[in-house]
């Protein structure tokens, strides 16, 4: 009888839709739901507050945002002892633990109160607040190298990285970044940055206001997070496959994680071994112990029409395929001394294209013939030409002396800084003509490669630090400007740029947008805002930005990918993961209308 009743309920749910869901469609078995209100001091509704519910194992969490009246509603896929937290900029978190039974709809109200101490209020600020107050003598001349070379793998200014240090201690830290993570700073830039950080990160609390914005659009959203690995896991890119599972590369441990979003099951697939030492081609570099234990360094992913996942292995200089059905791996050695294969995309013919960052190349691989073609890009100057020609040799010599970083002894960057390499970074395919476009991070250029003639043309970008560009369906190229906190638009037909500065969450703060993607139906751009723990949504129609604050502090996001249900997915990959709030990386998806569906289902408006 119980099974028959449940079946009738499911039939009714599908027949009548969400409008009657609160009566006919309770949460599924094993799931719980909560609704209530969040208020600030004095009973005032807390508009735009985040309400996060974590499961009993603290492995999964889901978040919704409050409406103007402070109300929220959330359906979760789990039940039991749940942790419920409300958070809003300028207030201390309100947290409680509540046991909620399967299929129960619990009422929960939370009150946000002021911070008890200035230190507590300061600790809740994002890294962008602390970076904005660093005492640069000349911001325009001194700060660009700091943004370019000290903000790309992780936040600087979070609780882990802003610990007060002397000038000498900061020099040692910068040496470590140079030896282990290829930070390209000149000797003068290092000394300046060490001086500024020693004076700026003094341990004193900041008294500033930050606002992430609140709106009816934000109140419609929902964020889902699934924790991955441990404190040393370096989850880099994430991608939603044709099967709607999330695939994510663990660059530090040679693992491909596969997440079933429906069940929450996380599968761990280890890449096949290779005859290289730890660190692969970069074994001579002093890679972070604990974080990098592998040899391949899987970085970026793309999928061909047959369902195979193609992965650029940054450390082993190889291209690899993974078949999700058979779990079979295949490794392909890339010719012509590849140094750090980076971003990969697939064109309409299933040809695999990828950048090779440190050796200034574009790779093409045909899976049918299993053949490569490598194109050397313009060097953009004699210093860059010398550097890119020397780099493979330096790595080989350095590998004779594991983890000693001897390549630094004859490197050109201590004299010239980041300008020693063009560094082709992101890549994408123009849907209009199949041409291949790339961004040169350090040269400040975008380029076009003709897929038939292999001719190359390049243009200077109006803003510095172009990273991972993407095309929209109309053939317009959208480019994040990491170094200048902006968004660029390029029309290949008119050859005209447009630029927008990203709005900050506080006075004098700046943003570091790493990657973006364009949602096909709406044409809206979703992009990372890695300095202030948020995701941005840009409307090309209204030319306005929408901000989605992250439920987790120290959020550093990489590539974005779209699921069939409208979810916008990425990976939280600050390096190291233990600096992230809670100490672990996560895969996450934003459902732009997920919160609205929960409200309708639970009758909360």
Protein backbone atom coordinates (compact mmCIF):
# COMPACT_ATOMS: atom_id res chain seq x y z
CA UNK A 1 0.00 0.00 0.00
CA UNK A 2 2.85 2.38 0.91
CA UNK A 3 4.57 1.73 -2.45
CA UNK A 4 1.29 2.34 -4.30
CA UNK A 5 0.80 5.64 -2.46
CA UNK A 6 4.34 6.74 -3.29
CA UNK A 7 3.82 5.89 -6.96
CA UNK A 8 0.58 7.89 -7.03
CA UNK A 9 2.35 10.81 -5.42
CA UNK A 10 5.09 10.78 -8.06
CA UNK A 11 2.45 10.62 -10.80
CA UNK A 12 0.65 13.60 -9.30
CA UNK A 13 3.89 15.51 -9.00
CA UNK A 14 4.61 15.08 -12.69
CA UNK A 15 1.01 15.84 -13.65
CA UNK A 16 0.47 19.04 -11.64
CA UNK A 17 4.03 20.42 -11.60
CA UNK A 18 5.66 22.41 -8.84
CA UNK A 19 2.66 24.57 -7.92
CA UNK A 20 1.17 21.75 -5.81
CA UNK A 21 4.49 20.20 -4.85
CA UNK A 22 4.31 21.26 -1.22
CA UNK A 23 1.18 19.11 -0.82
CA UNK A 24 1.75 16.26 -3.24
CA UNK A 25 5.54 15.99 -3.59
CA UNK A 26 7.41 15.82 -0.29
CA UNK A 27 11.21 15.44 -0.44
CA UNK A 28 12.30 12.04 -1.68
CA UNK A 29 13.11 9.29 0.79
CA UNK A 30 16.44 9.94 2.48
CA UNK A 31 16.14 13.67 1.80
CA UNK A 32 15.17 16.55 4.04
CA UNK A 33 13.99 20.11 3.45
CA UNK A 34 14.20 23.29 5.47
CA UNK A 35 12.53 26.65 5.30
CA UNK A 36 12.57 29.75 7.44
CA UNK A 37 13.92 33.27 7.70
CA UNK A 38 17.24 34.92 8.38
CA UNK A 39 17.27 38.19 10.27
CA UNK A 40 19.97 40.64 11.18
CA UNK A 41 20.30 42.45 14.50
CA UNK A 42 17.01 43.96 15.64
CA UNK A 43 14.91 41.59 13.55
CA UNK A 44 15.57 43.28 10.21
CA UNK A 45 15.35 40.80 7.28
CA UNK A 46 18.76 39.74 5.99
CA UNK A 47 18.56 40.17 2.22
CA UNK A 48 21.02 38.17 0.12
CA UNK A 49 22.29 36.04 3.01
CA UNK A 50 23.60 32.56 2.22
CA UNK A 51 21.99 29.60 3.97
CA UNK A 52 24.22 26.53 3.68
CA UNK A 53 23.18 23.01 4.72
CA UNK A 54 25.91 20.36 5.14
CA UNK A 55 25.22 16.65 5.33
CA UNK A 56 26.01 14.55 8.40
CA UNK A 57 29.34 13.39 6.97
CA UNK A 58 30.29 16.99 6.02
CA UNK A 59 31.10 15.77 2.49
CA UNK A 60 28.36 17.65 0.66
CA UNK A 61 26.70 21.01 1.11
CA UNK A 62 24.03 23.04 -0.61
CA UNK A 63 23.35 26.76 -0.41
CA UNK A 64 20.49 29.11 -1.22
CA UNK A 65 20.19 32.89 -0.90
CA UNK A 66 17.53 34.78 1.06
CA UNK A 67 14.87 36.98 -0.51
CA UNK A 68 14.11 40.58 0.45
CA UNK A 69 12.01 39.44 3.40
CA UNK A 70 14.83 37.23 4.66
CA UNK A 71 13.04 34.02 3.70
CA UNK A 72 14.69 30.88 2.34
CA UNK A 73 13.73 27.36 1.30
CA UNK A 74 16.01 24.48 0.50
CA UNK A 75 15.53 20.84 -0.43
CA UNK A 76 18.54 18.62 0.17
CA UNK A 77 19.36 15.09 -1.02
CA UNK A 78 20.33 14.04 2.52
CA UNK A 79 18.91 13.83 6.02
CA UNK A 80 20.13 13.25 9.58
CA UNK A 81 22.32 15.53 11.65
CA UNK A 82 22.64 18.57 9.42
CA UNK A 83 24.74 21.67 9.96
CA UNK A 84 22.90 24.85 9.00
CA UNK A 85 24.77 28.11 8.57
CA UNK A 86 23.67 31.62 7.61
CA UNK A 87 26.29 34.06 6.31
CA UNK A 88 26.18 37.68 5.15
CA UNK A 89 29.02 40.14 4.65
CA UNK A 90 29.40 42.36 7.70
CA UNK A 91 27.92 39.88 10.19
CA UNK A 92 29.16 36.89 12.15
CA UNK A 93 27.93 33.50 10.94
CA UNK A 94 24.86 32.02 12.60
CA UNK A 95 25.31 28.25 12.85
CA UNK A 96 23.31 25.44 14.39
CA UNK A 97 23.03 21.67 14.15
CA UNK A 98 19.63 20.12 13.61
CA UNK A 99 18.55 16.52 13.14
CA UNK A 100 16.07 16.40 10.28
CA UNK A 101 14.40 13.15 9.35
CA UNK A 102 14.02 11.86 5.82
CA UNK A 103 11.07 13.49 4.04
CA UNK A 104 10.71 16.02 6.87
CA UNK A 105 10.18 19.72 6.15
CA UNK A 106 11.77 21.53 9.09
CA UNK A 107 11.28 25.18 10.01
CA UNK A 108 14.49 26.97 10.97
CA UNK A 109 15.05 30.65 11.71
CA UNK A 110 18.51 32.14 12.13
CA UNK A 111 19.67 35.51 13.45
CA UNK A 112 22.86 37.21 12.32
CA UNK A 113 24.65 39.29 14.90
CA UNK A 114 27.56 41.75 14.74
CA UNK A 115 31.08 40.44 15.15
CA UNK A 116 32.27 40.39 18.74
CA UNK A 117 35.73 41.75 17.96
CA UNK A 118 37.42 43.77 15.19
CA UNK A 119 39.69 40.79 14.61
CA UNK A 120 36.73 38.51 13.90
CA UNK A 121 35.25 41.03 11.46
CA UNK A 122 38.59 41.38 9.71
CA UNK A 123 39.09 37.62 9.44
CA UNK A 124 35.79 37.32 7.54
CA UNK A 125 36.93 39.65 4.75
CA UNK A 126 38.00 38.27 1.39
CA UNK A 127 41.60 38.38 0.16
CA UNK A 128 40.69 41.32 -2.08
CA UNK A 129 40.23 43.57 0.97
CA UNK A 130 43.75 42.89 2.22
CA UNK A 131 45.31 43.18 -1.24
CA UNK A 132 43.68 46.56 -1.75
CA UNK A 133 45.55 47.96 1.24
CA UNK A 134 49.04 46.81 0.35
CA UNK A 135 51.32 49.89 0.44
CA UNK A 136 52.60 50.07 -3.13
CA UNK A 137 54.66 53.19 -3.79
CA UNK A 138 53.56 53.19 -7.43
CA UNK A 139 50.53 50.98 -8.01
CA UNK A 140 50.65 51.17 -11.80
CA UNK A 141 54.31 50.14 -12.00
CA UNK A 142 54.79 47.80 -9.03
CA UNK A 143 51.51 45.92 -8.54
CA UNK A 144 51.10 44.32 -12.02
CA UNK A 145 53.93 41.82 -11.42
CA UNK A 146 52.40 40.86 -8.06
CA UNK A 147 49.00 40.21 -9.64
CA UNK A 148 50.45 38.33 -12.60
CA UNK A 149 52.92 36.12 -10.72
CA UNK A 150 51.56 35.79 -7.18
CA UNK A 151 47.80 35.36 -7.67
CA UNK A 152 47.42 32.66 -10.33
CA UNK A 153 47.74 29.39 -8.34
CA UNK A 154 46.12 30.64 -5.17
CA UNK A 155 44.75 33.64 -3.36
CA UNK A 156 47.18 35.94 -1.62
CA UNK A 157 45.68 37.77 1.32
CA UNK A 158 43.62 34.94 2.79
CA UNK A 159 44.21 33.78 6.36
CA UNK A 160 46.92 31.30 5.32
CA UNK A 161 48.91 33.69 3.15
CA UNK A 162 48.70 36.99 5.06
CA UNK A 163 50.53 35.80 8.17
CA UNK A 164 52.98 38.57 9.16
CA UNK A 165 56.54 37.91 7.97
CA UNK A 166 59.74 39.88 7.73
CA UNK A 167 61.22 41.04 4.42
CA UNK A 168 63.68 38.12 4.54
CA UNK A 169 60.90 35.63 5.21
CA UNK A 170 58.87 36.94 2.28
CA UNK A 171 61.94 36.69 0.06
CA UNK A 172 62.22 33.04 1.07
CA UNK A 173 58.54 32.51 0.22
CA UNK A 174 59.01 34.13 -3.20
CA UNK A 175 62.09 31.96 -3.77
CA UNK A 176 59.92 28.92 -3.03
CA UNK A 177 57.28 30.06 -5.54
CA UNK A 178 60.00 30.63 -8.13
CA UNK A 179 61.66 27.26 -7.58
CA UNK A 180 58.50 25.21 -7.24
CA UNK A 181 55.71 26.89 -9.22
CA UNK A 182 57.54 28.76 -11.99
CA UNK A 183 56.85 32.26 -10.74
CA UNK A 184 58.63 34.58 -13.19
CA UNK A 185 59.74 37.65 -11.24
CA UNK A 186 62.80 39.77 -11.83
CA UNK A 187 65.19 40.29 -8.92
CA UNK A 188 63.92 43.85 -8.50
CA UNK A 189 60.27 42.79 -8.59
CA UNK A 190 60.90 40.16 -5.90
CA UNK A 191 62.55 42.66 -3.58
CA UNK A 192 59.74 45.18 -4.06
CA UNK A 193 56.98 42.63 -3.47
CA UNK A 194 58.71 41.24 -0.35
CA UNK A 195 58.99 44.76 1.05
CA UNK A 196 55.34 45.58 0.37
CA UNK A 197 54.03 42.32 1.84
CA UNK A 198 56.18 42.69 4.95
CA UNK A 199 54.74 46.16 5.57
CA UNK A 200 51.19 45.44 4.38
CA UNK A 201 50.40 42.11 6.03
CA UNK A 202 51.07 43.35 9.55
CA UNK A 203 48.42 41.32 11.40
CA UNK A 204 46.34 44.37 12.30
CA UNK A 205 42.58 44.04 11.69
CA UNK A 206 40.98 45.88 8.79
CA UNK A 207 37.83 47.89 9.31
CA UNK A 208 36.20 48.00 5.88
CA UNK A 209 32.80 47.28 4.35
CA UNK A 210 32.20 44.76 1.61
CA UNK A 211 28.97 44.20 -0.31
CA UNK A 212 28.25 41.30 -2.63
CA UNK A 213 24.87 42.61 -3.68
CA UNK A 214 21.39 41.17 -3.21
CA UNK A 215 18.66 40.82 -5.81
CA UNK A 216 15.62 38.75 -6.77
CA UNK A 217 17.86 36.98 -9.31
CA UNK A 218 20.28 35.92 -6.56
CA UNK A 219 17.38 34.66 -4.43
CA UNK A 220 16.46 32.26 -7.26
CA UNK A 221 19.87 30.54 -7.22
CA UNK A 222 21.25 27.46 -5.53
CA UNK A 223 24.86 26.24 -5.13
CA UNK A 224 25.86 22.60 -4.70
CA UNK A 225 29.31 21.52 -3.50
CA UNK A 226 30.92 18.09 -3.30
CA UNK A 227 34.20 17.83 -1.39
CA UNK A 228 37.11 16.08 -3.12
CA UNK A 229 40.32 14.48 -1.86
CA UNK A 230 42.29 15.92 1.03
CA UNK A 231 44.22 19.04 1.98
CA UNK A 232 46.88 18.32 -0.67
CA UNK A 233 44.54 17.59 -3.56
CA UNK A 234 45.04 20.01 -6.46
CA UNK A 235 41.76 19.73 -8.34
CA UNK A 236 42.35 21.80 -11.44
CA UNK A 237 39.72 21.86 -14.19
CA UNK A 238 36.19 20.48 -14.11
CA UNK A 239 34.03 19.56 -17.08
CA UNK A 240 30.46 18.27 -17.46
CA UNK A 241 30.56 15.34 -19.87
CA UNK A 242 27.92 14.24 -22.34
CA UNK A 243 26.80 11.75 -19.69
CA UNK A 244 26.20 14.73 -17.32
CA UNK A 245 28.81 13.55 -14.85
CA UNK A 246 31.52 15.97 -13.73
CA UNK A 247 35.08 15.08 -14.69
CA UNK A 248 37.89 16.80 -12.84
CA UNK A 249 41.67 16.64 -13.13
CA UNK A 250 43.83 16.33 -10.01
CA UNK A 251 47.05 17.85 -11.30
CA UNK A 252 49.02 17.01 -8.18
CA UNK A 253 48.21 13.31 -7.92
CA UNK A 254 47.58 12.09 -11.52
CA UNK A 255 43.90 11.38 -10.85
CA UNK A 256 40.73 11.91 -12.85
CA UNK A 257 37.80 12.33 -10.48
CA UNK A 258 34.32 11.51 -11.81
CA UNK A 259 31.24 12.72 -9.95
CA UNK A 260 27.70 11.48 -10.38
CA UNK A 261 25.76 14.61 -9.38
CA UNK A 262 22.57 12.66 -8.78
CA UNK A 263 23.91 10.10 -6.31
CA UNK A 264 26.91 12.08 -5.06
CA UNK A 265 29.18 9.10 -5.82
CA UNK A 266 32.77 10.16 -6.48
CA UNK A 267 34.95 7.85 -8.57
CA UNK A 268 38.76 7.95 -8.49
CA UNK A 269 40.62 6.99 -11.70
CA UNK A 270 44.42 6.92 -11.48
CA UNK A 271 46.39 7.64 -14.64
CA UNK A 272 48.76 4.90 -15.89
CA UNK A 273 52.37 5.11 -14.77
CA UNK A 274 55.07 6.50 -17.01
CA UNK A 275 58.86 6.15 -17.01
CA UNK A 276 59.50 9.56 -15.46
CA UNK A 277 60.36 10.66 -11.90
CA UNK A 278 57.93 12.53 -9.65
CA UNK A 279 57.23 15.83 -11.32
CA UNK A 280 57.69 14.42 -14.82
CA UNK A 281 59.64 16.77 -17.08
CA UNK A 282 59.70 19.24 -14.20
CA UNK A 283 61.45 16.90 -11.75
CA UNK A 284 64.36 19.31 -11.50
CA UNK A 285 62.03 21.97 -10.13
CA UNK A 286 61.35 22.00 -6.41
CA UNK A 287 57.63 21.15 -6.71
CA UNK A 288 55.59 21.47 -3.47
CA UNK A 289 56.07 18.29 -1.44
CA UNK A 290 52.73 16.67 -0.67
CA UNK A 291 50.80 18.61 -3.27
CA UNK A 292 52.58 17.20 -6.33
CA UNK A 293 53.17 13.47 -6.04
CA UNK A 294 52.46 12.50 -9.64
CA UNK A 295 54.28 12.42 -12.95
CA UNK A 296 51.67 13.51 -15.49
CA UNK A 297 50.03 16.59 -13.99
CA UNK A 298 46.62 16.35 -15.74
CA UNK A 299 45.50 19.89 -16.46
CA UNK A 300 42.69 20.57 -18.94
CA UNK A 301 39.99 18.43 -20.58
CA UNK A 302 37.77 18.26 -23.65
CA UNK A 303 35.41 15.58 -24.96
CA UNK A 304 35.04 14.16 -28.46
CA UNK A 305 31.72 12.95 -29.86
CA UNK A 306 32.54 9.33 -29.00
CA UNK A 307 32.59 10.23 -25.29
CA UNK A 308 36.35 10.01 -24.81
CA UNK A 309 37.89 12.59 -22.49
CA UNK A 310 41.10 14.22 -23.77
CA UNK A 311 43.55 15.50 -21.18
CA UNK A 312 46.65 17.65 -21.48
CA UNK A 313 49.32 16.39 -19.08
CA UNK A 314 51.34 19.44 -18.10
CA UNK A 315 54.19 17.65 -16.32
CA UNK A 316 54.77 14.67 -18.62
CA UNK A 317 54.30 16.60 -21.87
CA UNK A 318 51.74 14.10 -23.15
CA UNK A 319 48.18 13.99 -24.40
CA UNK A 320 45.96 11.31 -22.89
CA UNK A 321 42.50 9.91 -23.56
CA UNK A 322 40.11 8.28 -21.09
CA UNK A 323 37.12 6.16 -22.08
CA UNK A 324 34.44 6.50 -19.36
CA UNK A 325 32.77 3.24 -20.41
CA UNK A 326 35.77 0.92 -20.44
CA UNK A 327 37.91 3.02 -18.03
CA UNK A 328 40.72 2.58 -20.57
CA UNK A 329 43.56 5.08 -20.83
CA UNK A 330 45.77 5.83 -23.83
CA UNK A 331 48.87 8.01 -23.73
CA UNK A 332 50.26 9.91 -26.73
CA UNK A 333 53.71 11.48 -26.64
CA UNK A 334 53.69 15.00 -28.07
CA UNK A 335 56.57 15.72 -30.51
CA UNK A 336 58.82 18.80 -30.77
CA UNK A 337 59.90 19.28 -27.14
CA UNK A 338 56.53 20.26 -25.61
CA UNK A 339 56.79 22.17 -22.33
CA UNK A 340 53.60 22.40 -20.29
CA UNK A 341 50.64 21.38 -22.49
CA UNK A 342 47.87 23.55 -21.15
CA UNK A 343 44.30 24.21 -22.31
CA UNK A 344 42.56 21.80 -24.71
CA UNK A 345 39.46 22.15 -26.90
CA UNK A 346 37.83 19.98 -29.60
CA UNK A 347 36.48 21.29 -32.90
CA UNK A 348 33.39 20.15 -34.82
CA UNK A 349 35.44 17.46 -36.64
CA UNK A 350 36.66 15.98 -33.35
CA UNK A 351 40.17 17.37 -33.92
CA UNK A 352 41.91 18.04 -30.59
CA UNK A 353 43.63 21.44 -30.26
CA UNK A 354 45.72 22.56 -27.30
CA UNK A 355 48.18 25.21 -26.20
CA UNK A 356 51.71 24.32 -25.12
CA UNK A 357 52.38 27.23 -22.82
CA UNK A 358 56.08 27.30 -21.97
CA UNK A 359 57.34 26.37 -25.46
CA UNK A 360 55.02 28.80 -27.30
CA UNK A 361 53.22 26.23 -29.45
CA UNK A 362 49.77 25.09 -30.57
CA UNK A 363 49.19 21.35 -30.87
CA UNK A 364 46.77 19.59 -33.20
CA UNK A 365 45.89 15.91 -32.80
CA UNK A 366 43.66 13.85 -35.08
CA UNK A 367 42.24 10.91 -33.06
CA UNK A 368 41.39 9.02 -36.26
CA UNK A 369 44.90 8.98 -37.70
CA UNK A 370 46.59 9.45 -34.30
CA UNK A 371 48.89 12.08 -35.75
CA UNK A 372 50.13 15.39 -34.36
CA UNK A 373 50.97 18.68 -35.97
CA UNK A 374 52.75 21.26 -33.83
CA UNK A 375 52.76 24.94 -34.80
CA UNK A 376 55.33 27.33 -33.37
CA UNK A 377 53.79 30.72 -32.65
CA UNK A 378 55.47 34.12 -33.12
CA UNK A 379 58.02 34.77 -30.37
CA UNK A 380 57.14 38.46 -29.87
CA UNK A 381 60.69 39.63 -29.27
CA UNK A 382 64.27 38.44 -29.06
CA UNK A 383 64.21 37.86 -25.28
CA UNK A 384 61.16 35.62 -25.59
CA UNK A 385 62.71 33.75 -28.53
CA UNK A 386 65.88 33.02 -26.57
CA UNK A 387 63.90 31.98 -23.49
CA UNK A 388 61.53 29.60 -25.28
CA UNK A 389 64.43 27.98 -27.15
CA UNK A 390 66.42 27.48 -23.93
CA UNK A 391 63.61 26.26 -21.72
CA UNK A 392 63.35 22.57 -22.80
CA UNK A 393 67.13 22.20 -22.48
CA UNK A 394 67.13 23.81 -19.04
CA UNK A 395 64.45 21.37 -17.90
CA UNK A 396 66.39 18.37 -19.16
CA UNK A 397 69.59 19.49 -17.46
CA UNK A 398 67.67 20.29 -14.28
CA UNK A 399 66.15 16.80 -14.19
CA UNK A 400 69.66 15.39 -13.67
CA UNK A 401 69.53 17.06 -10.24
CA UNK A 402 66.02 16.34 -8.87
CA UNK A 403 64.23 19.15 -7.03
CA UNK A 404 67.30 21.41 -6.92
CA UNK A 405 65.89 24.08 -9.27
CA UNK A 406 69.24 24.46 -11.06
CA UNK A 407 67.42 25.81 -14.11
CA UNK A 408 67.24 29.15 -12.30
CA UNK A 409 71.01 29.62 -12.56
CA UNK A 410 70.86 30.39 -16.29
CA UNK A 411 67.23 31.48 -16.64
CA UNK A 412 66.49 34.87 -18.22
CA UNK A 413 63.57 35.82 -15.98
CA UNK A 414 65.59 37.23 -13.01
CA UNK A 415 66.54 40.04 -15.42
CA UNK A 416 63.30 40.45 -17.39
CA UNK A 417 60.54 38.99 -15.22
CA UNK A 418 57.36 37.56 -16.73
CA UNK A 419 58.20 39.10 -20.08
CA UNK A 420 60.58 36.21 -20.92
CA UNK A 421 57.81 33.95 -22.29
CA UNK A 422 54.73 34.73 -24.47
CA UNK A 423 52.88 31.86 -22.72
CA UNK A 424 49.96 30.83 -24.98
CA UNK A 425 47.33 29.92 -22.41
CA UNK A 426 43.64 29.57 -23.26
CA UNK A 427 42.31 28.33 -26.61
CA UNK A 428 38.91 28.03 -28.30
CA UNK A 429 37.31 27.30 -31.66
CA UNK A 430 35.29 29.89 -33.59
CA UNK A 431 31.90 28.24 -34.33
CA UNK A 432 31.49 30.33 -37.47
CA UNK A 433 34.52 29.21 -39.46
CA UNK A 434 36.33 26.61 -37.32
CA UNK A 435 39.38 28.84 -36.84
CA UNK A 436 41.50 28.29 -33.74
CA UNK A 437 42.02 31.23 -31.37
CA UNK A 438 44.35 31.52 -28.41
CA UNK A 439 45.43 34.01 -25.75
CA UNK A 440 49.05 34.81 -24.96
CA UNK A 441 49.03 35.55 -21.25
CA UNK A 442 52.36 37.35 -20.80
CA UNK A 443 52.59 38.90 -24.26
CA UNK A 444 49.12 40.43 -23.91
CA UNK A 445 47.86 39.17 -27.25
CA UNK A 446 45.17 37.05 -28.83
CA UNK A 447 45.82 35.13 -32.02
CA UNK A 448 44.09 33.25 -34.82
CA UNK A 449 45.41 30.05 -36.40
CA UNK A 450 43.91 28.96 -39.70
CA UNK A 451 43.16 25.21 -39.32
CA UNK A 452 43.85 24.54 -43.01
CA UNK A 453 46.83 26.74 -43.88
CA UNK A 454 48.19 27.06 -40.31
CA UNK A 455 48.83 30.76 -40.90
CA UNK A 456 48.86 32.84 -37.71
CA UNK A 457 47.73 36.41 -37.04
CA UNK A 458 47.89 38.20 -33.68
CA UNK A 459 46.46 41.31 -32.03
CA UNK A 460 47.34 43.21 -28.85
CA UNK A 461 44.61 43.19 -26.22
CA UNK A 462 43.50 46.49 -24.61
CA UNK A 463 43.74 44.97 -21.13
CA UNK A 464 46.61 42.85 -19.79
CA UNK A 465 46.57 39.21 -18.75
CA UNK A 466 44.27 37.47 -21.26
CA UNK A 467 43.81 33.92 -19.92
CA UNK A 468 41.05 31.55 -21.05
CA UNK A 469 38.82 33.02 -23.78
CA UNK A 470 35.62 31.52 -25.14
CA UNK A 471 33.43 32.11 -28.19
CA UNK A 472 29.71 32.72 -28.10
CA UNK A 473 27.41 31.21 -30.71
CA UNK A 474 27.69 34.32 -32.89
CA UNK A 475 31.47 34.06 -33.20
CA UNK A 476 32.33 36.80 -30.68
CA UNK A 477 35.38 36.08 -28.54
CA UNK A 478 35.10 36.85 -24.81
CA UNK A 479 38.35 37.19 -22.89
CA UNK A 480 39.04 37.50 -19.13
CA UNK A 481 41.72 40.08 -18.33
CA UNK A 482 43.34 38.60 -15.24
CA UNK A 483 45.98 41.28 -14.65
CA UNK A 484 43.59 44.22 -14.92
CA UNK A 485 40.39 42.75 -13.48
CA UNK A 486 38.34 43.10 -16.63
CA UNK A 487 36.31 41.46 -19.37
CA UNK A 488 37.07 41.95 -23.07
CA UNK A 489 34.96 41.36 -26.17
CA UNK A 490 36.53 40.91 -29.61
CA UNK A 491 34.68 40.82 -32.90
CA UNK A 492 36.77 38.89 -35.48
CA UNK A 493 34.80 40.50 -38.34
CA UNK A 494 35.19 44.16 -37.39
CA UNK A 495 38.44 43.53 -35.45
CA UNK A 496 37.17 45.76 -32.65
CA UNK A 497 37.57 45.32 -28.89
CA UNK A 498 35.27 46.38 -26.09
CA UNK A 499 36.28 46.27 -22.43
CA UNK A 500 34.58 46.36 -19.05
CA UNK A 501 36.12 46.73 -15.62
CA UNK A 502 34.73 44.23 -13.11
CA UNK A 503 32.98 45.94 -10.17
CA UNK A 504 34.61 45.23 -6.83
CA UNK A 505 32.99 44.28 -3.52
CA UNK A 506 34.86 46.98 -1.59
CA UNK A 507 36.57 50.33 -1.98
CA UNK A 508 39.86 50.11 -3.86
CA UNK A 509 39.66 46.33 -4.39
CA UNK A 510 40.48 44.57 -7.65
CA UNK A 511 39.49 41.28 -9.25
CA UNK A 512 41.41 38.37 -10.82
CA UNK A 513 39.18 36.66 -13.42
CA UNK A 514 40.84 33.39 -14.41
CA UNK A 515 38.40 31.75 -16.82
CA UNK A 516 34.96 32.17 -18.35
CA UNK A 517 32.41 30.42 -20.53
CA UNK A 518 29.38 31.55 -22.52
CA UNK A 519 25.97 30.00 -21.97
CA UNK A 520 24.62 29.14 -25.41
CA UNK A 521 20.92 30.01 -25.08
CA UNK A 522 21.19 33.31 -23.22
CA UNK A 523 24.61 34.38 -24.45
CA UNK A 524 25.50 35.33 -20.88
CA UNK A 525 29.09 35.07 -19.69
CA UNK A 526 29.94 33.24 -16.46
CA UNK A 527 33.37 33.96 -15.05
CA UNK A 528 35.57 33.44 -12.01
CA UNK A 529 36.24 36.28 -9.57
CA UNK A 530 39.04 34.62 -7.64
CA UNK A 531 40.14 37.49 -5.41
CA UNK A 532 36.79 38.00 -3.70
CA UNK A 533 35.16 34.56 -3.42
CA UNK A 534 32.40 34.91 -5.99
CA UNK A 535 31.21 34.02 -9.47
CA UNK A 536 30.20 36.70 -11.97
CA UNK A 537 27.47 36.61 -14.58
CA UNK A 538 27.65 39.23 -17.33
CA UNK A 539 24.77 40.17 -19.61
CA UNK A 540 25.91 41.32 -23.08
CA UNK A 541 22.49 42.91 -23.53
CA UNK A 542 22.40 45.12 -20.43
CA UNK A 543 26.23 45.29 -20.09
CA UNK A 544 25.88 44.58 -16.36
CA UNK A 545 27.52 42.15 -13.91
CA UNK A 546 25.63 39.93 -11.47
CA UNK A 547 27.51 38.61 -8.42
CA UNK A 548 27.06 35.18 -6.81
CA UNK A 549 28.97 35.08 -3.50
CA UNK A 550 30.63 31.76 -2.81
CA UNK A 551 29.49 29.84 0.28
CA UNK A 552 33.12 28.89 0.89
CA UNK A 553 35.94 31.31 1.59
CA UNK A 554 39.16 31.09 -0.46
CA UNK A 555 37.35 30.10 -3.64
CA UNK A 556 39.64 29.88 -6.68
CA UNK A 557 37.79 28.64 -9.75
CA UNK A 558 39.14 27.42 -13.09
CA UNK A 559 37.19 26.44 -16.23
CA UNK A 560 33.39 26.67 -16.36
CA UNK A 561 31.14 24.05 -17.93
CA UNK A 562 27.36 23.87 -18.47
CA UNK A 563 25.10 20.91 -17.71
CA UNK A 564 21.93 20.00 -19.59
CA UNK A 565 19.80 21.08 -16.61
CA UNK A 566 21.21 24.62 -16.74
CA UNK A 567 23.78 24.18 -13.97
CA UNK A 568 27.04 26.13 -14.23
CA UNK A 569 29.88 23.96 -12.89
CA UNK A 570 33.51 24.51 -11.94
CA UNK A 571 36.17 23.38 -9.46
CA UNK A 572 37.44 25.04 -6.30
CA UNK A 573 41.18 24.63 -6.73
CA UNK A 574 43.18 26.95 -4.54
CA UNK A 575 46.74 25.66 -4.18
CA UNK A 576 47.13 24.38 -1.50
CA UNK A 577 43.67 22.99 -0.81
CA UNK A 578 44.17 23.16 2.96
CA UNK A 579 43.98 26.97 2.72
CA UNK A 580 40.36 26.70 1.55
CA UNK A 581 37.75 27.13 4.28
CA UNK A 582 37.22 23.61 5.62
CA UNK A 583 40.61 22.48 4.30
CA UNK A 584 39.50 20.70 1.11
CA UNK A 585 38.78 21.36 -2.53
CA UNK A 586 35.34 20.89 -4.05
CA UNK A 587 33.42 20.49 -7.26
CA UNK A 588 30.56 22.95 -7.42
CA UNK A 589 27.55 23.81 -9.55
CA UNK A 590 25.38 26.90 -9.54
CA UNK A 591 21.75 26.30 -10.47
CA UNK A 592 20.48 29.77 -11.50
CA UNK A 593 16.87 28.78 -10.77
CA UNK A 594 17.47 26.02 -8.21
CA UNK A 595 16.50 28.18 -5.27
CA UNK A 596 13.30 29.29 -7.00
CA UNK A 597 12.30 25.66 -7.57
CA UNK A 598 12.87 24.89 -3.89
CA UNK A 599 10.77 27.90 -2.89
CA UNK A 600 7.93 26.84 -5.12
CA UNK A 601 8.08 23.25 -3.94
CA UNK A 602 8.01 24.30 -0.27
CA UNK A 603 5.53 27.16 -0.67
CA UNK A 604 7.91 29.93 0.39
CA UNK A 605 7.67 33.29 -1.40
